[in-house]
Amino acid sequence: MANSQGLSRFRRSLPTSPDDPRLLEMASNLGQQLDLLGLNLRDIRWMEWIPAGRSTRSVPSDWCMFLRHSMILPARMMGKLTIEEWRPVIASSLVFEKKIKRSMRGTTFLLTGLPLIVSLGGTITAAILLQMSWIIFLYPVLLFPLAILGGRRYNSDLKKARVEADTQTSTVIGKDPLLQVLKKIDMMGLADIDRLKSGRGGRRLASLPSITERIDNLQGLSSLASFSSI
């Protein structure tokens, strides 16, 4: 519900492309090819930012995102790729969002929720056993470093998962289509792409691999091992 309300704030005067119907059809067909049961995409939104809780986050130039029944494409990329060039980008994004990331829900809890519970339980238990109520005030002191470490590990796992999504995508549609479109995007001089390449992505982009890392991963795959026809 929150995502739906947040998204509605960004729907005003959004640009549209004449390619939208074909891109939406392509995404639905890829969902079937990738065995994504229940995929129900109804529209495309070209956006620079999407809601993330009480803040926003940028839509990466080399990925697309999904909110409820909408496929979110980076507005800065409108008209820069052909429909066929969008195909591997959408495919890898679907694999990441709808397959790999969903399988990481248990890991998400262990790295983000569990430290909160453990630190709170530990301070309460110590306060009771030692009969020192002031110990409860150590909770924020314990939580802060645990939250930072958990967040860093989770971002690292997400980054590896996106690279794995490229690998899995290559086994369905072949590595060359994705490799070629990533090289094309790399040459466009886009600000977010260049920030990640130079290591200046910061905390907000910590879960994204650079386009160089994605290209290197695909180039390291065997063409025969990374393709199967479905």
Protein backbone atom coordinates (compact mmCIF):
# COMPACT_ATOMS: atom_id res chain seq x y z
CA MET A 1 0.00 0.00 0.00
CA ALA A 2 2.81 2.36 0.89
CA ASN A 3 4.58 1.66 -2.41
CA SER A 4 1.34 2.26 -4.30
CA GLN A 5 0.79 5.63 -2.58
CA GLY A 6 4.42 6.55 -3.03
CA LEU A 7 4.37 5.67 -6.70
CA SER A 8 1.24 7.75 -7.29
CA ARG A 9 3.18 10.86 -6.25
CA PHE A 10 5.58 10.25 -9.15
CA ARG A 11 2.97 9.56 -11.84
CA ARG A 12 2.27 13.15 -12.76
CA SER A 13 3.50 14.14 -16.22
CA LEU A 14 5.61 11.02 -16.67
CA PRO A 15 6.97 10.63 -20.20
CA THR A 16 5.73 7.84 -22.44
CA SER A 17 7.33 6.09 -25.38
CA PRO A 18 5.70 4.65 -28.51
CA ASP A 19 7.68 1.48 -27.72
CA ASP A 20 5.87 0.96 -24.41
CA PRO A 21 3.28 -1.60 -25.64
CA ARG A 22 5.95 -3.75 -27.30
CA LEU A 23 8.27 -3.47 -24.30
CA LEU A 24 5.45 -4.54 -22.00
CA GLU A 25 4.63 -7.49 -24.26
CA MET A 26 8.31 -8.44 -24.36
CA ALA A 27 8.55 -8.36 -20.56
CA SER A 28 5.51 -10.61 -20.24
CA ASN A 29 6.96 -13.07 -22.75
CA LEU A 30 10.28 -13.06 -20.88
CA GLY A 31 8.38 -13.82 -17.68
CA GLN A 32 7.03 -16.99 -19.30
CA GLN A 33 10.43 -17.91 -20.72
CA LEU A 34 12.03 -17.45 -17.30
CA ASP A 35 9.28 -19.46 -15.55
CA LEU A 36 8.11 -16.49 -13.49
CA LEU A 37 4.67 -17.63 -12.51
CA GLY A 38 2.16 -14.93 -11.67
CA LEU A 39 4.06 -12.09 -13.33
CA ASN A 40 1.41 -9.46 -14.05
CA LEU A 41 2.87 -6.29 -15.52
CA ARG A 42 0.24 -3.75 -16.58
CA ASP A 43 2.16 -0.61 -17.44
CA ILE A 44 5.56 1.00 -17.92
CA ARG A 45 6.80 4.04 -16.02
CA TRP A 46 9.80 6.02 -17.25
CA MET A 47 11.21 7.55 -14.07
CA GLU A 48 14.43 8.99 -12.68
CA TRP A 49 13.52 8.18 -9.06
CA ILE A 50 11.26 5.76 -7.24
CA PRO A 51 9.92 5.93 -3.68
CA ALA A 52 11.89 4.01 -1.05
CA GLY A 53 10.20 4.35 2.31
CA ARG A 54 10.25 8.03 3.21
CA SER A 55 12.99 8.83 0.70
CA THR A 56 13.71 8.04 -2.94
CA ARG A 57 16.30 6.11 -4.87
CA SER A 58 17.56 6.53 -8.40
CA VAL A 59 16.59 4.11 -11.16
CA PRO A 60 19.93 2.76 -12.47
CA SER A 61 20.65 3.35 -16.16
CA ASP A 62 21.57 -0.31 -16.75
CA TRP A 63 18.67 -1.92 -14.87
CA CYS A 64 14.90 -1.74 -14.72
CA MET A 65 12.82 -2.08 -11.55
CA PHE A 66 9.38 -3.32 -10.59
CA LEU A 67 6.76 -1.84 -8.27
CA ARG A 68 3.54 -3.79 -7.94
CA HIS A 69 2.26 -4.14 -11.54
CA SER A 70 4.53 -1.50 -13.04
CA MET A 71 7.86 -1.92 -14.79
CA ILE A 72 10.07 1.08 -14.06
CA LEU A 73 12.57 2.10 -16.74
CA PRO A 74 15.18 4.88 -16.33
CA ALA A 75 13.77 8.01 -17.99
CA ARG A 76 17.25 9.14 -19.06
CA MET A 77 17.45 6.01 -21.25
CA MET A 78 14.27 6.64 -23.25
CA GLY A 79 15.06 6.42 -26.96
CA LYS A 80 18.67 5.34 -26.39
CA LEU A 81 18.09 1.60 -26.79
CA THR A 82 16.10 -0.37 -29.33
CA ILE A 83 13.34 -2.70 -28.22
CA GLU A 84 15.58 -5.69 -28.84
CA GLU A 85 18.40 -4.12 -26.85
CA TRP A 86 16.07 -3.68 -23.90
CA ARG A 87 15.32 -7.41 -23.92
CA PRO A 88 18.46 -8.66 -22.07
CA VAL A 89 18.33 -5.69 -19.65
CA ILE A 90 14.73 -6.50 -18.73
CA ALA A 91 15.49 -10.24 -18.56
CA SER A 92 18.35 -9.83 -16.07
CA SER A 93 16.29 -7.39 -14.00
CA LEU A 94 13.42 -9.89 -13.86
CA VAL A 95 15.75 -12.70 -12.77
CA PHE A 96 17.15 -10.53 -10.00
CA GLU A 97 13.89 -8.98 -8.73
CA LYS A 98 11.51 -11.90 -9.17
CA LYS A 99 13.78 -14.89 -8.54
CA ILE A 100 17.03 -14.27 -6.72
CA LYS A 101 16.00 -11.37 -4.47
CA ARG A 102 12.87 -13.22 -3.34
CA SER A 103 14.99 -16.21 -2.36
CA MET A 104 17.10 -13.89 -0.18
CA ARG A 105 14.28 -12.94 2.20
CA GLY A 106 15.64 -15.20 4.94
CA THR A 107 19.10 -13.66 4.53
CA THR A 108 17.57 -10.20 4.73
CA PHE A 109 16.08 -11.00 8.13
CA LEU A 110 19.31 -12.52 9.44
CA LEU A 111 21.36 -9.49 8.43
CA THR A 112 18.94 -6.69 9.28
CA GLY A 113 16.21 -7.90 11.65
CA LEU A 114 18.09 -10.41 13.78
CA PRO A 115 20.76 -7.96 15.06
CA LEU A 116 17.96 -5.70 16.35
CA ILE A 117 16.31 -8.58 18.21
CA VAL A 118 19.57 -10.00 19.58
CA SER A 119 20.88 -6.66 20.81
CA LEU A 120 17.56 -5.74 22.43
CA GLY A 121 17.17 -9.18 24.02
CA GLY A 122 20.76 -9.17 25.20
CA THR A 123 20.55 -5.81 26.93
CA ILE A 124 17.21 -6.62 28.60
CA THR A 125 18.50 -10.01 29.82
CA ALA A 126 21.69 -8.45 31.18
CA ALA A 127 19.71 -5.68 32.92
CA ILE A 128 17.48 -8.28 34.62
CA LEU A 129 20.23 -10.71 35.61
CA LEU A 130 22.58 -8.01 36.89
CA GLN A 131 19.75 -5.91 38.30
CA MET A 132 21.17 -2.85 36.60
CA SER A 133 18.43 -1.11 34.71
CA TRP A 134 20.84 1.39 33.17
CA ILE A 135 22.27 -1.38 30.97
CA ILE A 136 19.19 -1.06 28.75
CA PHE A 137 20.62 2.24 27.52
CA LEU A 138 23.47 0.28 25.94
CA TYR A 139 20.98 -1.00 23.34
CA PRO A 140 21.63 1.81 20.82
CA VAL A 141 25.37 1.40 21.35
CA LEU A 142 25.15 -2.29 20.43
CA LEU A 143 22.60 -1.82 17.66
CA PHE A 144 24.46 0.82 15.68
CA PRO A 145 27.59 -1.20 14.75
CA LEU A 146 25.54 -4.36 14.21
CA ALA A 147 23.19 -2.50 11.86
CA ILE A 148 26.11 -1.05 9.90
CA LEU A 149 27.82 -4.42 9.54
CA GLY A 150 24.55 -6.15 8.61
CA GLY A 151 23.71 -3.47 6.06
CA ARG A 152 27.13 -3.71 4.44
CA ARG A 153 26.92 -7.48 4.20
CA TYR A 154 23.39 -7.29 2.77
CA ASN A 155 24.46 -4.75 0.14
CA SER A 156 27.38 -6.98 -0.78
CA ASP A 157 25.03 -9.94 -1.16
CA LEU A 158 22.68 -7.91 -3.35
CA LYS A 159 25.58 -6.85 -5.53
CA LYS A 160 26.67 -10.45 -6.02
CA ALA A 161 23.04 -11.43 -6.69
CA ARG A 162 22.78 -8.92 -9.54
CA VAL A 163 25.92 -10.34 -11.14
CA GLU A 164 24.46 -13.83 -10.70
CA ALA A 165 21.28 -12.61 -12.42
CA ASP A 166 23.38 -11.72 -15.47
CA THR A 167 24.90 -15.20 -15.41
CA GLN A 168 21.51 -16.90 -15.18
CA THR A 169 20.11 -14.67 -17.91
CA SER A 170 22.94 -15.65 -20.22
CA THR A 171 21.90 -19.30 -19.94
CA VAL A 172 18.47 -18.40 -21.34
CA ILE A 173 19.12 -15.79 -24.03
CA GLY A 174 22.88 -16.12 -24.48
CA LYS A 175 25.57 -13.82 -23.11
CA ASP A 176 26.24 -11.77 -26.26
CA PRO A 177 22.98 -9.74 -26.35
CA LEU A 178 23.46 -8.60 -22.74
CA LEU A 179 27.19 -8.08 -23.17
CA GLN A 180 26.74 -5.89 -26.26
CA VAL A 181 24.04 -3.68 -24.74
CA LEU A 182 26.08 -3.19 -21.55
CA LYS A 183 29.05 -2.11 -23.66
CA LYS A 184 26.79 0.33 -25.51
CA ILE A 185 25.48 1.81 -22.24
CA ASP A 186 29.05 2.03 -20.94
CA MET A 187 29.96 4.31 -23.85
CA MET A 188 27.12 6.78 -23.22
CA GLY A 189 28.89 8.75 -20.49
CA LEU A 190 25.98 8.50 -18.04
CA ALA A 191 26.61 10.02 -14.61
CA ASP A 192 25.45 7.08 -12.48
CA ILE A 193 27.34 4.57 -14.62
CA ASP A 194 30.56 6.59 -14.37
CA ARG A 195 30.18 7.07 -10.59
CA LEU A 196 30.04 3.33 -10.01
CA LYS A 197 32.93 2.68 -12.38
CA SER A 198 35.11 5.14 -10.48
CA GLY A 199 34.10 3.78 -7.07
CA ARG A 200 32.15 6.92 -6.12
CA GLY A 201 28.77 5.25 -5.81
CA GLY A 202 28.53 5.78 -2.06
CA ARG A 203 26.19 4.03 0.34
CA ARG A 204 23.07 4.56 -1.80
CA LEU A 205 24.60 2.63 -4.71
CA ALA A 206 26.50 0.05 -2.64
CA SER A 207 24.21 -2.79 -3.76
CA LEU A 208 24.89 -2.19 -7.46
CA PRO A 209 27.77 -3.74 -9.40
CA SER A 210 29.55 -1.38 -11.76
CA ILE A 211 28.95 -1.91 -15.44
CA THR A 212 32.61 -2.91 -15.72
CA GLU A 213 32.04 -5.72 -13.20
CA ARG A 214 29.00 -6.89 -15.16
CA ILE A 215 30.91 -6.87 -18.44
CA ASP A 216 33.91 -8.68 -16.94
CA ASN A 217 31.63 -11.34 -15.49
CA LEU A 218 29.95 -12.00 -18.84
CA GLN A 219 33.24 -12.02 -20.72
CA GLY A 220 34.48 -14.68 -18.31
CA LEU A 221 31.63 -17.01 -19.21
CA SER A 222 32.00 -19.65 -21.87
CA SER A 223 29.72 -18.95 -24.82
CA LEU A 224 28.66 -22.58 -24.99
CA ALA A 225 28.15 -22.89 -21.24
CA SER A 226 26.16 -19.66 -21.07
CA PHE A 227 23.56 -20.42 -23.67
CA SER A 228 20.67 -22.83 -23.86
CA SER A 229 17.64 -22.51 -26.08
CA ILE A 230 14.20 -22.67 -24.48
